[in-house]
Amino acid sequence: MNNYEVLYILSDKQDAEARKALIGKFQALVEGNGEVSVDEWGSRKLAYPIQTKISGKHLTGYYVLMKFVAPPELPAEMERQMRISDDVIRFMIERV
């Protein structure tokens, strides 16, 4: 079991319920395999505009920091899930 941190930015163009559901989805993915703590930083201005194919240009995003303990295979699955989701603008998974 390793310690990891993932910081991801969600689209500000979705409603609060959809955002909570997406955060819960990623949290549930980890909870089945280890410990997790989620820190929602809220909506912030991005350092530079980000253009996505689905939802257009983003000037702000909803930041979420998640720290978790999990087996080494889990970050690859989490990355796959985040790449599939259209509402995740950017993410970065680090082993601590």
PDB file of N, CA and C in Angstrom:
ATOM      1  N   MET A   1       0.840  -1.175   0.000  1.00  0.00           N
ATOM      2  CA  MET A   1       0.000   0.000   0.000  1.00  0.00           C
ATOM      3  C   MET A   1       0.889   1.244   0.000  1.00  0.00           C
ATOM      4  N   ASN A   2       0.565   2.167  -0.886  1.00  0.00           N
ATOM      5  CA  ASN A   2       1.331   3.399  -1.036  1.00  0.00           C
ATOM      6  C   ASN A   2       0.445   4.609  -0.753  1.00  0.00           C
ATOM      7  N   ASN A   3       1.078   5.723  -0.398  1.00  0.00           N
ATOM      8  CA  ASN A   3       0.375   6.993  -0.196  1.00  0.00           C
ATOM      9  C   ASN A   3       0.373   7.771  -1.502  1.00  0.00           C
ATOM     10  N   TYR A   4      -0.779   8.316  -1.874  1.00  0.00           N
ATOM     11  CA  TYR A   4      -0.925   9.075  -3.110  1.00  0.00           C
ATOM     12  C   TYR A   4      -1.698  10.357  -2.847  1.00  0.00           C
ATOM     13  N   GLU A   5      -1.503  11.330  -3.731  1.00  0.00           N
ATOM     14  CA  GLU A   5      -2.303  12.546  -3.774  1.00  0.00           C
ATOM     15  C   GLU A   5      -2.733  12.748  -5.208  1.00  0.00           C
ATOM     16  N   VAL A   6      -3.963  13.152  -5.385  1.00  0.00           N
ATOM     17  CA  VAL A   6      -4.439  13.510  -6.708  1.00  0.00           C
ATOM     18  C   VAL A   6      -5.124  14.874  -6.594  1.00  0.00           C
ATOM     19  N   LEU A   7      -4.704  15.799  -7.429  1.00  0.00           N
ATOM     20  CA  LEU A   7      -5.335  17.102  -7.522  1.00  0.00           C
ATOM     21  C   LEU A   7      -6.013  17.144  -8.878  1.00  0.00           C
ATOM     22  N   TYR A   8      -7.318  17.360  -8.881  1.00  0.00           N
ATOM     23  CA  TYR A   8      -8.017  17.434 -10.150  1.00  0.00           C
ATOM     24  C   TYR A   8      -8.910  18.656 -10.195  1.00  0.00           C
ATOM     25  N   ILE A   9      -9.150  19.143 -11.412  1.00  0.00           N
ATOM     26  CA  ILE A   9      -9.958  20.324 -11.649  1.00  0.00           C
ATOM     27  C   ILE A   9     -11.194  19.902 -12.429  1.00  0.00           C
ATOM     28  N   LEU A  10     -12.348  20.207 -11.878  1.00  0.00           N
ATOM     29  CA  LEU A  10     -13.612  19.888 -12.525  1.00  0.00           C
ATOM     30  C   LEU A  10     -14.171  21.120 -13.219  1.00  0.00           C
ATOM     31  N   SER A  11     -14.971  20.896 -14.218  1.00  0.00           N
ATOM     32  CA  SER A  11     -15.603  21.982 -14.956  1.00  0.00           C
ATOM     33  C   SER A  11     -16.542  22.764 -14.046  1.00  0.00           C
ATOM     34  N   ASP A  12     -16.495  24.083 -14.128  1.00  0.00           N
ATOM     35  CA  ASP A  12     -17.406  24.944 -13.377  1.00  0.00           C
ATOM     36  C   ASP A  12     -18.772  25.041 -14.049  1.00  0.00           C
ATOM     37  N   LYS A  13     -18.892  24.497 -15.244  1.00  0.00           N
ATOM     38  CA  LYS A  13     -20.123  24.619 -16.015  1.00  0.00           C
ATOM     39  C   LYS A  13     -21.185  23.594 -15.609  1.00  0.00           C
ATOM     40  N   GLN A  14     -20.860  22.672 -14.712  1.00  0.00           N
ATOM     41  CA  GLN A  14     -21.834  21.689 -14.252  1.00  0.00           C
ATOM     42  C   GLN A  14     -22.433  22.155 -12.929  1.00  0.00           C
ATOM     43  N   ASP A  15     -23.608  21.623 -12.586  1.00  0.00           N
ATOM     44  CA  ASP A  15     -24.264  22.024 -11.346  1.00  0.00           C
ATOM     45  C   ASP A  15     -23.626  21.320 -10.148  1.00  0.00           C
ATOM     46  N   ALA A  16     -24.002  21.782  -8.958  1.00  0.00           N
ATOM     47  CA  ALA A  16     -23.390  21.282  -7.719  1.00  0.00           C
ATOM     48  C   ALA A  16     -23.666  19.797  -7.496  1.00  0.00           C
ATOM     49  N   GLU A  17     -24.855  19.330  -7.860  1.00  0.00           N
ATOM     50  CA  GLU A  17     -25.194  17.921  -7.657  1.00  0.00           C
ATOM     51  C   GLU A  17     -24.341  17.005  -8.530  1.00  0.00           C
ATOM     52  N   ALA A  18     -24.136  17.394  -9.772  1.00  0.00           N
ATOM     53  CA  ALA A  18     -23.300  16.593 -10.680  1.00  0.00           C
ATOM     54  C   ALA A  18     -21.855  16.580 -10.205  1.00  0.00           C
ATOM     55  N   ARG A  19     -21.396  17.723  -9.705  1.00  0.00           N
ATOM     56  CA  ARG A  19     -20.029  17.815  -9.196  1.00  0.00           C
ATOM     57  C   ARG A  19     -19.854  16.904  -7.980  1.00  0.00           C
ATOM     58  N   LYS A  20     -20.824  16.914  -7.046  1.00  0.00           N
ATOM     59  CA  LYS A  20     -20.756  16.057  -5.857  1.00  0.00           C
ATOM     60  C   LYS A  20     -20.777  14.579  -6.257  1.00  0.00           C
ATOM     61  N   ALA A  21     -21.566  14.252  -7.266  1.00  0.00           N
ATOM     62  CA  ALA A  21     -21.636  12.860  -7.729  1.00  0.00           C
ATOM     63  C   ALA A  21     -20.297  12.406  -8.305  1.00  0.00           C
ATOM     64  N   LEU A  22     -19.639  13.284  -9.063  1.00  0.00           N
ATOM     65  CA  LEU A  22     -18.351  12.938  -9.657  1.00  0.00           C
ATOM     66  C   LEU A  22     -17.267  12.791  -8.584  1.00  0.00           C
ATOM     67  N   ILE A  23     -17.268  13.684  -7.608  1.00  0.00           N
ATOM     68  CA  ILE A  23     -16.314  13.581  -6.496  1.00  0.00           C
ATOM     69  C   ILE A  23     -16.568  12.288  -5.719  1.00  0.00           C
ATOM     70  N   GLY A  24     -17.831  11.976  -5.493  1.00  0.00           N
ATOM     71  CA  GLY A  24     -18.190  10.732  -4.802  1.00  0.00           C
ATOM     72  C   GLY A  24     -17.778   9.494  -5.578  1.00  0.00           C
ATOM     73  N   LYS A  25     -17.858   9.565  -6.898  1.00  0.00           N
ATOM     74  CA  LYS A  25     -17.455   8.433  -7.743  1.00  0.00           C
ATOM     75  C   LYS A  25     -15.972   8.134  -7.572  1.00  0.00           C
ATOM     76  N   PHE A  26     -15.136   9.189  -7.612  1.00  0.00           N
ATOM     77  CA  PHE A  26     -13.694   8.988  -7.449  1.00  0.00           C
ATOM     78  C   PHE A  26     -13.353   8.557  -6.030  1.00  0.00           C
ATOM     79  N   GLN A  27     -14.075   9.078  -5.059  1.00  0.00           N
ATOM     80  CA  GLN A  27     -13.847   8.698  -3.670  1.00  0.00           C
ATOM     81  C   GLN A  27     -14.232   7.232  -3.450  1.00  0.00           C
ATOM     82  N   ALA A  28     -15.335   6.794  -4.033  1.00  0.00           N
ATOM     83  CA  ALA A  28     -15.774   5.404  -3.884  1.00  0.00           C
ATOM     84  C   ALA A  28     -14.804   4.430  -4.544  1.00  0.00           C
ATOM     85  N   LEU A  29     -14.177   4.864  -5.621  1.00  0.00           N
ATOM     86  CA  LEU A  29     -13.185   4.025  -6.297  1.00  0.00           C
ATOM     87  C   LEU A  29     -12.040   3.683  -5.352  1.00  0.00           C
ATOM     88  N   VAL A  30     -11.628   4.656  -4.545  1.00  0.00           N
ATOM     89  CA  VAL A  30     -10.519   4.442  -3.609  1.00  0.00           C
ATOM     90  C   VAL A  30     -10.992   3.740  -2.341  1.00  0.00           C
ATOM     91  N   GLU A  31     -12.179   4.079  -1.843  1.00  0.00           N
ATOM     92  CA  GLU A  31     -12.652   3.523  -0.572  1.00  0.00           C
ATOM     93  C   GLU A  31     -12.748   2.007  -0.593  1.00  0.00           C
ATOM     94  N   GLY A  32     -12.973   1.424  -1.748  1.00  0.00           N
ATOM     95  CA  GLY A  32     -13.024  -0.025  -1.832  1.00  0.00           C
ATOM     96  C   GLY A  32     -11.668  -0.674  -1.660  1.00  0.00           C
ATOM     97  N   ASN A  33     -10.584   0.117  -1.779  1.00  0.00           N
ATOM     98  CA  ASN A  33      -9.231  -0.429  -1.733  1.00  0.00           C
ATOM     99  C   ASN A  33      -8.352   0.144  -0.634  1.00  0.00           C
ATOM    100  N   GLY A  34      -8.766   1.219   0.014  1.00  0.00           N
ATOM    101  CA  GLY A  34      -7.911   1.822   1.032  1.00  0.00           C
ATOM    102  C   GLY A  34      -8.552   3.032   1.673  1.00  0.00           C
ATOM    103  N   GLU A  35      -7.731   3.816   2.397  1.00  0.00           N
ATOM    104  CA  GLU A  35      -8.184   5.017   3.094  1.00  0.00           C
ATOM    105  C   GLU A  35      -8.194   6.202   2.136  1.00  0.00           C
ATOM    106  N   VAL A  36      -9.083   7.165   2.396  1.00  0.00           N
ATOM    107  CA  VAL A  36      -9.167   8.342   1.537  1.00  0.00           C
ATOM    108  C   VAL A  36      -9.623   9.555   2.343  1.00  0.00           C
ATOM    109  N   SER A  37      -9.085  10.733   2.001  1.00  0.00           N
ATOM    110  CA  SER A  37      -9.574  11.999   2.544  1.00  0.00           C
ATOM    111  C   SER A  37      -9.680  12.991   1.386  1.00  0.00           C
ATOM    112  N   VAL A  38     -10.813  13.689   1.336  1.00  0.00           N
ATOM    113  CA  VAL A  38     -11.088  14.610   0.236  1.00  0.00           C
ATOM    114  C   VAL A  38     -11.145  16.027   0.780  1.00  0.00           C
ATOM    115  N   ASP A  39     -10.430  16.945   0.122  1.00  0.00           N
ATOM    116  CA  ASP A  39     -10.415  18.355   0.492  1.00  0.00           C
ATOM    117  C   ASP A  39     -10.854  19.162  -0.731  1.00  0.00           C
ATOM    118  N   GLU A  40     -12.049  19.724  -0.677  1.00  0.00           N
ATOM    119  CA  GLU A  40     -12.560  20.515  -1.793  1.00  0.00           C
ATOM    120  C   GLU A  40     -12.106  21.963  -1.613  1.00  0.00           C
ATOM    121  N   TRP A  41     -11.336  22.458  -2.574  1.00  0.00           N
ATOM    122  CA  TRP A  41     -10.832  23.827  -2.509  1.00  0.00           C
ATOM    123  C   TRP A  41     -11.827  24.820  -3.080  1.00  0.00           C
ATOM    124  N   GLY A  42     -12.750  24.349  -3.874  1.00  0.00           N
ATOM    125  CA  GLY A  42     -13.773  25.226  -4.424  1.00  0.00           C
ATOM    126  C   GLY A  42     -13.395  25.795  -5.776  1.00  0.00           C
ATOM    127  N   SER A  43     -14.182  26.757  -6.215  1.00  0.00           N
ATOM    128  CA  SER A  43     -14.007  27.355  -7.536  1.00  0.00           C
ATOM    129  C   SER A  43     -12.901  28.409  -7.491  1.00  0.00           C
ATOM    130  N   ARG A  44     -11.988  28.308  -8.442  1.00  0.00           N
ATOM    131  CA  ARG A  44     -10.868  29.253  -8.526  1.00  0.00           C
ATOM    132  C   ARG A  44     -10.585  29.586  -9.985  1.00  0.00           C
ATOM    133  N   LYS A  45      -9.945  30.711 -10.183  1.00  0.00           N
ATOM    134  CA  LYS A  45      -9.549  31.116 -11.520  1.00  0.00           C
ATOM    135  C   LYS A  45      -8.341  30.285 -11.955  1.00  0.00           C
ATOM    136  N   LEU A  46      -8.363  29.834 -13.203  1.00  0.00           N
ATOM    137  CA  LEU A  46      -7.246  29.056 -13.730  1.00  0.00           C
ATOM    138  C   LEU A  46      -6.084  29.979 -14.082  1.00  0.00           C
ATOM    139  N   ALA A  47      -4.879  29.455 -14.080  1.00  0.00           N
ATOM    140  CA  ALA A  47      -3.697  30.242 -14.414  1.00  0.00           C
ATOM    141  C   ALA A  47      -3.722  30.672 -15.882  1.00  0.00           C
ATOM    142  N   TYR A  48      -4.316  29.851 -16.723  1.00  0.00           N
ATOM    143  CA  TYR A  48      -4.459  30.163 -18.147  1.00  0.00           C
ATOM    144  C   TYR A  48      -5.736  29.504 -18.652  1.00  0.00           C
ATOM    145  N   PRO A  49      -6.357  30.041 -19.687  1.00  0.00           N
ATOM    146  CA  PRO A  49      -7.586  29.419 -20.205  1.00  0.00           C
ATOM    147  C   PRO A  49      -7.310  28.029 -20.773  1.00  0.00           C
ATOM    148  N   ILE A  50      -8.246  27.110 -20.542  1.00  0.00           N
ATOM    149  CA  ILE A  50      -8.117  25.743 -21.031  1.00  0.00           C
ATOM    150  C   ILE A  50      -9.280  25.463 -21.972  1.00  0.00           C
ATOM    151  N   GLN A  51      -8.967  25.045 -23.176  1.00  0.00           N
ATOM    152  CA  GLN A  51      -9.973  24.727 -24.185  1.00  0.00           C
ATOM    153  C   GLN A  51     -10.199  23.217 -24.207  1.00  0.00           C
ATOM    154  N   THR A  52     -11.462  22.799 -24.097  1.00  0.00           N
ATOM    155  CA  THR A  52     -11.801  21.385 -24.224  1.00  0.00           C
ATOM    156  C   THR A  52     -12.781  21.220 -25.381  1.00  0.00           C
ATOM    157  N   LYS A  53     -12.766  20.044 -25.969  1.00  0.00           N
ATOM    158  CA  LYS A  53     -13.622  19.798 -27.126  1.00  0.00           C
ATOM    159  C   LYS A  53     -15.098  19.787 -26.767  1.00  0.00           C
ATOM    160  N   ILE A  54     -15.425  19.221 -25.627  1.00  0.00           N
ATOM    161  CA  ILE A  54     -16.821  19.033 -25.250  1.00  0.00           C
ATOM    162  C   ILE A  54     -17.450  20.308 -24.700  1.00  0.00           C
ATOM    163  N   SER A  55     -16.818  20.920 -23.692  1.00  0.00           N
ATOM    164  CA  SER A  55     -17.471  22.034 -23.004  1.00  0.00           C
ATOM    165  C   SER A  55     -16.862  23.401 -23.295  1.00  0.00           C
ATOM    166  N   GLY A  56     -15.956  23.507 -24.249  1.00  0.00           N
ATOM    167  CA  GLY A  56     -15.443  24.812 -24.662  1.00  0.00           C
ATOM    168  C   GLY A  56     -14.336  25.359 -23.784  1.00  0.00           C
ATOM    169  N   LYS A  57     -14.278  26.685 -23.721  1.00  0.00           N
ATOM    170  CA  LYS A  57     -13.200  27.385 -23.026  1.00  0.00           C
ATOM    171  C   LYS A  57     -13.518  27.539 -21.539  1.00  0.00           C
ATOM    172  N   HIS A  58     -12.524  27.242 -20.703  1.00  0.00           N
ATOM    173  CA  HIS A  58     -12.672  27.345 -19.251  1.00  0.00           C
ATOM    174  C   HIS A  58     -11.741  28.423 -18.716  1.00  0.00           C
ATOM    175  N   LEU A  59     -12.297  29.342 -17.923  1.00  0.00           N
ATOM    176  CA  LEU A  59     -11.502  30.359 -17.245  1.00  0.00           C
ATOM    177  C   LEU A  59     -11.417  30.086 -15.743  1.00  0.00           C
ATOM    178  N   THR A  60     -12.378  29.305 -15.232  1.00  0.00           N
ATOM    179  CA  THR A  60     -12.380  28.913 -13.823  1.00  0.00           C
ATOM    180  C   THR A  60     -12.618  27.411 -13.732  1.00  0.00           C
ATOM    181  N   GLY A  61     -12.272  26.851 -12.591  1.00  0.00           N
ATOM    182  CA  GLY A  61     -12.471  25.423 -12.363  1.00  0.00           C
ATOM    183  C   GLY A  61     -12.683  25.140 -10.892  1.00  0.00           C
ATOM    184  N   TYR A  62     -13.210  23.978 -10.590  1.00  0.00           N
ATOM    185  CA  TYR A  62     -13.467  23.551  -9.219  1.00  0.00           C
ATOM    186  C   TYR A  62     -12.357  22.587  -8.813  1.00  0.00           C
ATOM    187  N   TYR A  63     -11.514  22.985  -7.863  1.00  0.00           N
ATOM    188  CA  TYR A  63     -10.343  22.219  -7.460  1.00  0.00           C
ATOM    189  C   TYR A  63     -10.685  21.243  -6.332  1.00  0.00           C
ATOM    190  N   VAL A  64     -10.149  20.021  -6.441  1.00  0.00           N
ATOM    191  CA  VAL A  64     -10.343  18.999  -5.415  1.00  0.00           C
ATOM    192  C   VAL A  64      -9.006  18.301  -5.183  1.00  0.00           C
ATOM    193  N   LEU A  65      -8.592  18.220  -3.917  1.00  0.00           N
ATOM    194  CA  LEU A  65      -7.389  17.485  -3.528  1.00  0.00           C
ATOM    195  C   LEU A  65      -7.830  16.244  -2.774  1.00  0.00           C
ATOM    196  N   MET A  66      -7.355  15.091  -3.232  1.00  0.00           N
ATOM    197  CA  MET A  66      -7.712  13.833  -2.585  1.00  0.00           C
ATOM    198  C   MET A  66      -6.427  13.099  -2.204  1.00  0.00           C
ATOM    199  N   LYS A  67      -6.301  12.770  -0.929  1.00  0.00           N
ATOM    200  CA  LYS A  67      -5.165  11.991  -0.432  1.00  0.00           C
ATOM    201  C   LYS A  67      -5.679  10.598  -0.109  1.00  0.00           C
ATOM    202  N   PHE A  68      -4.908   9.587  -0.512  1.00  0.00           N
ATOM    203  CA  PHE A  68      -5.380   8.227  -0.264  1.00  0.00           C
ATOM    204  C   PHE A  68      -4.230   7.247  -0.146  1.00  0.00           C
ATOM    205  N   VAL A  69      -4.523   6.121   0.494  1.00  0.00           N
ATOM    206  CA  VAL A  69      -3.604   4.997   0.631  1.00  0.00           C
ATOM    207  C   VAL A  69      -4.230   3.852  -0.153  1.00  0.00           C
ATOM    208  N   ALA A  70      -3.470   3.301  -1.101  1.00  0.00           N
ATOM    209  CA  ALA A  70      -4.037   2.278  -1.977  1.00  0.00           C
ATOM    210  C   ALA A  70      -2.932   1.410  -2.560  1.00  0.00           C
ATOM    211  N   PRO A  71      -3.312   0.284  -3.143  1.00  0.00           N
ATOM    212  CA  PRO A  71      -2.328  -0.555  -3.821  1.00  0.00           C
ATOM    213  C   PRO A  71      -1.814   0.135  -5.089  1.00  0.00           C
ATOM    214  N   PRO A  72      -0.659  -0.276  -5.583  1.00  0.00           N
ATOM    215  CA  PRO A  72      -0.031   0.404  -6.725  1.00  0.00           C
ATOM    216  C   PRO A  72      -0.832   0.357  -8.029  1.00  0.00           C
ATOM    217  N   GLU A  73      -1.798  -0.536  -8.150  1.00  0.00           N
ATOM    218  CA  GLU A  73      -2.571  -0.640  -9.387  1.00  0.00           C
ATOM    219  C   GLU A  73      -3.679   0.414  -9.470  1.00  0.00           C
ATOM    220  N   LEU A  74      -4.086   0.966  -8.344  1.00  0.00           N
ATOM    221  CA  LEU A  74      -5.233   1.870  -8.316  1.00  0.00           C
ATOM    222  C   LEU A  74      -5.024   3.185  -9.068  1.00  0.00           C
ATOM    223  N   PRO A  75      -3.871   3.847  -8.986  1.00  0.00           N
ATOM    224  CA  PRO A  75      -3.715   5.102  -9.729  1.00  0.00           C
ATOM    225  C   PRO A  75      -3.923   4.965 -11.238  1.00  0.00           C
ATOM    226  N   ALA A  76      -3.548   3.852 -11.814  1.00  0.00           N
ATOM    227  CA  ALA A  76      -3.768   3.652 -13.249  1.00  0.00           C
ATOM    228  C   ALA A  76      -5.261   3.588 -13.560  1.00  0.00           C
ATOM    229  N   GLU A  77      -6.027   2.919 -12.720  1.00  0.00           N
ATOM    230  CA  GLU A  77      -7.482   2.850 -12.915  1.00  0.00           C
ATOM    231  C   GLU A  77      -8.126   4.219 -12.710  1.00  0.00           C
ATOM    232  N   MET A  78      -7.644   4.960 -11.701  1.00  0.00           N
ATOM    233  CA  MET A  78      -8.185   6.298 -11.460  1.00  0.00           C
ATOM    234  C   MET A  78      -7.886   7.218 -12.646  1.00  0.00           C
ATOM    235  N   GLU A  79      -6.678   7.122 -13.187  1.00  0.00           N
ATOM    236  CA  GLU A  79      -6.321   7.922 -14.356  1.00  0.00           C
ATOM    237  C   GLU A  79      -7.220   7.577 -15.539  1.00  0.00           C
ATOM    238  N   ARG A  80      -7.505   6.311 -15.729  1.00  0.00           N
ATOM    239  CA  ARG A  80      -8.390   5.888 -16.818  1.00  0.00           C
ATOM    240  C   ARG A  80      -9.786   6.485 -16.640  1.00  0.00           C
ATOM    241  N   GLN A  81     -10.297   6.435 -15.418  1.00  0.00           N
ATOM    242  CA  GLN A  81     -11.621   6.984 -15.145  1.00  0.00           C
ATOM    243  C   GLN A  81     -11.668   8.495 -15.370  1.00  0.00           C
ATOM    244  N   MET A  82     -10.603   9.195 -14.991  1.00  0.00           N
ATOM    245  CA  MET A  82     -10.570  10.651 -15.152  1.00  0.00           C
ATOM    246  C   MET A  82     -10.440  11.054 -16.615  1.00  0.00           C
ATOM    247  N   ARG A  83      -9.704  10.280 -17.399  1.00  0.00           N
ATOM    248  CA  ARG A  83      -9.592  10.568 -18.827  1.00  0.00           C
ATOM    249  C   ARG A  83     -10.917  10.361 -19.553  1.00  0.00           C
ATOM    250  N   ILE A  84     -11.715   9.415 -19.096  1.00  0.00           N
ATOM    251  CA  ILE A  84     -13.010   9.140 -19.715  1.00  0.00           C
ATOM    252  C   ILE A  84     -13.996  10.273 -19.443  1.00  0.00           C
ATOM    253  N   SER A  85     -13.953  10.841 -18.244  1.00  0.00           N
ATOM    254  CA  SER A  85     -14.918  11.854 -17.830  1.00  0.00           C
ATOM    255  C   SER A  85     -14.690  13.166 -18.575  1.00  0.00           C
ATOM    256  N   ASP A  86     -15.771  13.723 -19.140  1.00  0.00           N
ATOM    257  CA  ASP A  86     -15.690  14.991 -19.853  1.00  0.00           C
ATOM    258  C   ASP A  86     -15.616  16.183 -18.908  1.00  0.00           C
ATOM    259  N   ASP A  87     -16.007  16.004 -17.648  1.00  0.00           N
ATOM    260  CA  ASP A  87     -16.042  17.108 -16.699  1.00  0.00           C
ATOM    261  C   ASP A  87     -14.725  17.327 -15.963  1.00  0.00           C
ATOM    262  N   VAL A  88     -13.759  16.437 -16.125  1.00  0.00           N
ATOM    263  CA  VAL A  88     -12.443  16.619 -15.515  1.00  0.00           C
ATOM    264  C   VAL A  88     -11.567  17.372 -16.518  1.00  0.00           C
ATOM    265  N   ILE A  89     -11.173  18.598 -16.141  1.00  0.00           N
ATOM    266  CA  ILE A  89     -10.374  19.425 -17.046  1.00  0.00           C
ATOM    267  C   ILE A  89      -8.908  18.991 -17.007  1.00  0.00           C
ATOM    268  N   ARG A  90      -8.357  18.905 -15.815  1.00  0.00           N
ATOM    269  CA  ARG A  90      -6.962  18.483 -15.619  1.00  0.00           C
ATOM    270  C   ARG A  90      -6.870  17.651 -14.345  1.00  0.00           C
ATOM    271  N   PHE A  91      -5.838  16.812 -14.262  1.00  0.00           N
ATOM    272  CA  PHE A  91      -5.580  16.043 -13.036  1.00  0.00           C
ATOM    273  C   PHE A  91      -4.101  15.697 -12.979  1.00  0.00           C
ATOM    274  N   MET A  92      -3.648  15.430 -11.759  1.00  0.00           N
ATOM    275  CA  MET A  92      -2.261  15.012 -11.558  1.00  0.00           C
ATOM    276  C   MET A  92      -2.231  14.086 -10.341  1.00  0.00           C
ATOM    277  N   ILE A  93      -1.733  12.882 -10.550  1.00  0.00           N
ATOM    278  CA  ILE A  93      -1.618  11.880  -9.488  1.00  0.00           C
ATOM    279  C   ILE A  93      -0.154  11.745  -9.121  1.00  0.00           C
ATOM    280  N   GLU A  94       0.150  11.879  -7.837  1.00  0.00           N
ATOM    281  CA  GLU A  94       1.519  11.790  -7.343  1.00  0.00           C
ATOM    282  C   GLU A  94       1.611  10.780  -6.213  1.00  0.00           C
ATOM    283  N   ARG A  95       2.698  10.032  -6.206  1.00  0.00           N
ATOM    284  CA  ARG A  95       2.974   9.161  -5.068  1.00  0.00           C
ATOM    285  C   ARG A  95       3.737   9.989  -4.044  1.00  0.00           C
ATOM    286  N   VAL A  96       3.288   9.957  -2.806  1.00  0.00           N
ATOM    287  CA  VAL A  96       3.897  10.779  -1.740  1.00  0.00           C
ATOM    288  C   VAL A  96       4.931   9.955  -1.019  1.00  0.00           C
TER     289      VAL A  96
END
